Amino acid sequence: MKNFIRHSCMYFVVLFFVLGVSLFVPSPSVFAMNPGTYTSMASGSLTVTVSVTSSCAVGNSSLSFGFYDATTGAAVNSKGAINVTCTNNTPYTITLDAGQANGNQTTVGAYAMGNGSNGWIAYNLSTTPSITGRVVPNVTDIAGGVGQGNGALQKIPIYGQIVADQMAVIPGNYTDTVAITINY
């Protein structure tokens, strides 16, 4: 009988240990995603959108002739750039106005720089280095009708020439401000 009790106790201990361990070992479903007390799932999607609009910006640009020697009256050429940034694939045109000093002050150039003391010096702008593509204020498209934005800064070349034989100009510093218009 002792053996029976001993075996029974041992059997009971083994059975308790096996059952106890199985009670403490989580089932594989515990490691799976547990939706809590929810019994069903549904799914959908999130649609994300944005609209990109065409835009352009014109940065400050300059063209400097340096010095003009009125004793020789020789023409002075210079090159500058118009700084444009447009959204990628945005076509644009660029025009220039007649300038602040007003080219009507001289009969030999489309533009004029003034010195603030009624002194004027005539100059022309061009889209070509040879000055053959003269800019007609408010008309000429500086970009040549092919301006196409690429999302980065583009430097559109602009050429200038102080008209020759202006020997009666008075000494001083001359300046003009030409407005840039970009249409896109």
Protein backbone atom coordinates (compact mmCIF):
# COMPACT_ATOMS: atom_id res chain seq x y z
CA MET A 1 0.00 0.00 0.00
CA LYS A 2 2.90 2.27 0.68
CA ASN A 3 4.06 1.79 -2.83
CA PHE A 4 0.63 2.51 -4.14
CA ILE A 5 0.43 5.74 -2.19
CA ARG A 6 3.90 6.64 -3.17
CA HIS A 7 3.21 5.95 -6.83
CA SER A 8 -0.08 7.76 -6.58
CA CYS A 9 1.60 10.75 -4.99
CA MET A 10 4.35 10.65 -7.51
CA TYR A 11 1.82 10.30 -10.31
CA PHE A 12 -0.12 13.21 -8.84
CA VAL A 13 3.07 15.35 -8.59
CA VAL A 14 4.04 14.53 -12.19
CA LEU A 15 0.52 15.19 -13.36
CA PHE A 16 0.41 18.46 -11.42
CA PHE A 17 3.82 19.48 -12.75
CA VAL A 18 2.82 18.71 -16.35
CA LEU A 19 -0.49 20.47 -16.00
CA GLY A 20 1.05 23.32 -14.03
CA VAL A 21 3.78 23.88 -16.58
CA SER A 22 1.29 23.76 -19.41
CA LEU A 23 -0.77 26.35 -17.56
CA PHE A 24 2.25 28.66 -17.39
CA VAL A 25 3.46 28.13 -20.95
CA PRO A 26 1.56 30.49 -23.19
CA SER A 27 -0.07 29.11 -26.25
CA PRO A 28 1.13 30.30 -29.68
CA SER A 29 -1.97 32.45 -29.99
CA VAL A 30 -0.64 34.63 -27.15
CA PHE A 31 2.33 35.59 -29.35
CA ALA A 32 0.10 36.40 -32.32
CA MET A 33 -1.39 39.88 -32.71
CA ASN A 34 -3.96 40.16 -30.00
CA PRO A 35 -6.72 42.53 -31.01
CA GLY A 36 -7.87 42.68 -27.41
CA THR A 37 -11.52 42.00 -26.99
CA TYR A 38 -12.29 42.71 -30.66
CA THR A 39 -13.59 39.79 -32.59
CA SER A 40 -13.34 41.18 -36.14
CA MET A 41 -10.97 43.28 -38.21
CA ALA A 42 -11.45 45.58 -41.20
CA SER A 43 -8.84 47.34 -43.32
CA GLY A 44 -8.72 50.37 -45.60
CA SER A 45 -6.20 52.78 -47.03
CA LEU A 46 -4.99 56.34 -46.52
CA THR A 47 -4.82 58.47 -49.67
CA VAL A 48 -2.16 61.20 -49.50
CA THR A 49 -2.26 64.03 -52.06
CA VAL A 50 -0.57 67.32 -52.88
CA SER A 51 -0.89 69.81 -55.73
CA VAL A 52 2.25 71.40 -57.15
CA THR A 53 1.63 74.75 -58.78
CA SER A 54 3.83 76.43 -61.33
CA SER A 55 5.82 79.28 -59.88
CA CYS A 56 8.76 81.45 -60.85
CA ALA A 57 11.02 83.90 -59.07
CA VAL A 58 13.46 86.47 -60.43
CA GLY A 59 16.52 87.22 -58.36
CA ASN A 60 18.51 90.44 -58.36
CA SER A 61 20.59 90.74 -61.49
CA SER A 62 23.23 93.20 -62.62
CA LEU A 63 25.22 94.34 -65.62
CA SER A 64 28.29 96.52 -65.11
CA PHE A 65 30.13 98.34 -67.88
CA GLY A 66 33.05 99.38 -65.71
CA PHE A 67 34.40 102.61 -67.23
CA TYR A 68 33.57 104.63 -70.33
CA ASP A 69 36.26 106.84 -71.86
CA ALA A 70 34.43 109.81 -73.38
CA THR A 71 37.68 111.07 -74.95
CA THR A 72 37.78 108.12 -77.36
CA GLY A 73 34.05 107.50 -77.59
CA ALA A 74 34.65 103.78 -78.10
CA ALA A 75 31.73 101.42 -77.48
CA VAL A 76 31.94 99.36 -74.28
CA ASN A 77 30.49 95.83 -74.19
CA SER A 78 29.51 93.86 -71.13
CA LYS A 79 27.73 90.67 -70.17
CA GLY A 80 25.41 89.95 -67.24
CA ALA A 81 22.74 87.44 -66.32
CA ILE A 82 19.11 87.47 -65.28
CA ASN A 83 18.61 85.01 -62.42
CA VAL A 84 15.42 82.96 -62.77
CA THR A 85 14.11 80.00 -60.79
CA CYS A 86 10.95 78.25 -62.03
CA THR A 87 9.19 75.03 -61.10
CA ASN A 88 10.35 72.09 -63.19
CA ASN A 89 8.75 72.00 -66.70
CA THR A 90 7.24 75.47 -66.32
CA PRO A 91 7.55 77.46 -69.57
CA TYR A 92 8.25 81.17 -69.16
CA THR A 93 9.06 84.39 -71.02
CA ILE A 94 11.04 87.37 -69.73
CA THR A 95 10.65 90.98 -70.81
CA LEU A 96 12.42 94.14 -69.68
CA ASP A 97 10.86 97.57 -69.36
CA ALA A 98 12.41 100.81 -70.67
CA GLY A 99 14.35 101.39 -67.48
CA GLN A 100 14.04 103.95 -64.73
CA ALA A 101 16.31 106.52 -66.38
CA ASN A 102 14.23 106.26 -69.57
CA GLY A 103 15.76 105.68 -72.97
CA ASN A 104 13.78 108.63 -74.35
CA GLN A 105 16.52 110.87 -72.95
CA THR A 106 18.78 109.89 -75.86
CA THR A 107 18.26 109.24 -79.55
CA VAL A 108 21.13 106.78 -80.02
CA GLY A 109 20.13 103.94 -77.69
CA ALA A 110 17.06 102.12 -76.45
CA TYR A 111 18.13 102.74 -72.85
CA ALA A 112 19.85 105.50 -70.91
CA MET A 113 21.70 105.69 -67.60
CA GLY A 114 21.46 108.91 -65.64
CA ASN A 115 23.91 110.49 -63.22
CA GLY A 116 21.39 112.50 -61.17
CA SER A 117 22.59 115.84 -62.64
CA ASN A 118 20.83 115.77 -66.01
CA GLY A 119 23.65 113.75 -67.52
CA TRP A 120 22.73 110.77 -69.71
CA ILE A 121 24.64 107.98 -71.39
CA ALA A 122 22.93 105.75 -73.96
CA TYR A 123 23.20 101.99 -74.01
CA ASN A 124 21.51 99.00 -75.58
CA LEU A 125 20.72 95.55 -74.27
CA SER A 126 20.84 92.41 -76.38
CA THR A 127 20.15 88.69 -76.23
CA THR A 128 23.30 87.98 -78.30
CA PRO A 129 26.98 88.75 -77.68
CA SER A 130 27.26 90.56 -81.03
CA ILE A 131 24.53 92.99 -79.88
CA THR A 132 22.49 92.11 -82.99
CA GLY A 133 19.58 90.80 -80.91
CA ARG A 134 18.71 94.23 -79.51
CA VAL A 135 16.17 94.27 -76.74
CA VAL A 136 13.08 96.27 -77.54
CA PRO A 137 11.73 97.39 -74.14
CA ASN A 138 8.44 95.75 -73.13
CA VAL A 139 8.50 93.59 -76.28
CA THR A 140 11.58 91.37 -76.58
CA ASP A 141 11.42 87.98 -74.86
CA ILE A 142 14.86 87.64 -73.24
CA ALA A 143 14.33 83.88 -72.78
CA GLY A 144 13.80 83.52 -76.53
CA GLY A 145 10.44 81.79 -76.16
CA VAL A 146 12.15 78.62 -74.98
CA GLY A 147 12.47 79.33 -71.28
CA GLN A 148 11.74 76.11 -69.42
CA GLY A 149 12.04 75.86 -65.64
CA ASN A 150 14.08 73.03 -64.16
CA GLY A 151 13.53 73.74 -60.46
CA ALA A 152 17.00 75.26 -60.09
CA LEU A 153 18.54 78.69 -60.61
CA GLN A 154 18.96 79.50 -64.30
CA LYS A 155 21.17 82.35 -65.46
CA ILE A 156 19.76 83.88 -68.64
CA PRO A 157 22.55 85.82 -70.38
CA ILE A 158 22.04 89.50 -71.16
CA TYR A 159 24.52 91.58 -73.13
CA GLY A 160 24.94 95.31 -73.07
CA GLN A 161 26.76 97.93 -75.08
CA ILE A 162 27.36 101.60 -74.35
CA VAL A 163 26.74 103.28 -77.68
CA ALA A 164 29.94 104.65 -79.34
CA ASP A 165 30.72 108.30 -79.96
CA GLN A 166 29.12 109.75 -76.82
CA MET A 167 31.88 112.28 -76.20
CA ALA A 168 29.78 115.04 -74.66
CA VAL A 169 28.85 113.09 -71.51
CA ILE A 170 29.76 114.70 -68.19
CA PRO A 171 31.86 112.86 -65.60
CA GLY A 172 30.08 110.97 -62.84
CA ASN A 173 28.52 107.66 -61.90
CA TYR A 174 25.63 106.60 -64.10
CA THR A 175 22.94 104.09 -63.27
CA ASP A 176 19.65 102.72 -64.51
CA THR A 177 17.18 100.25 -63.06
CA VAL A 178 15.37 98.01 -65.54
CA ALA A 179 12.32 96.09 -64.31
CA ILE A 180 12.25 92.37 -65.17
CA THR A 181 8.87 90.73 -65.81
CA ILE A 182 8.54 86.96 -66.00
CA ASN A 183 5.36 85.44 -67.42
CA TYR A 184 4.71 81.76 -66.78
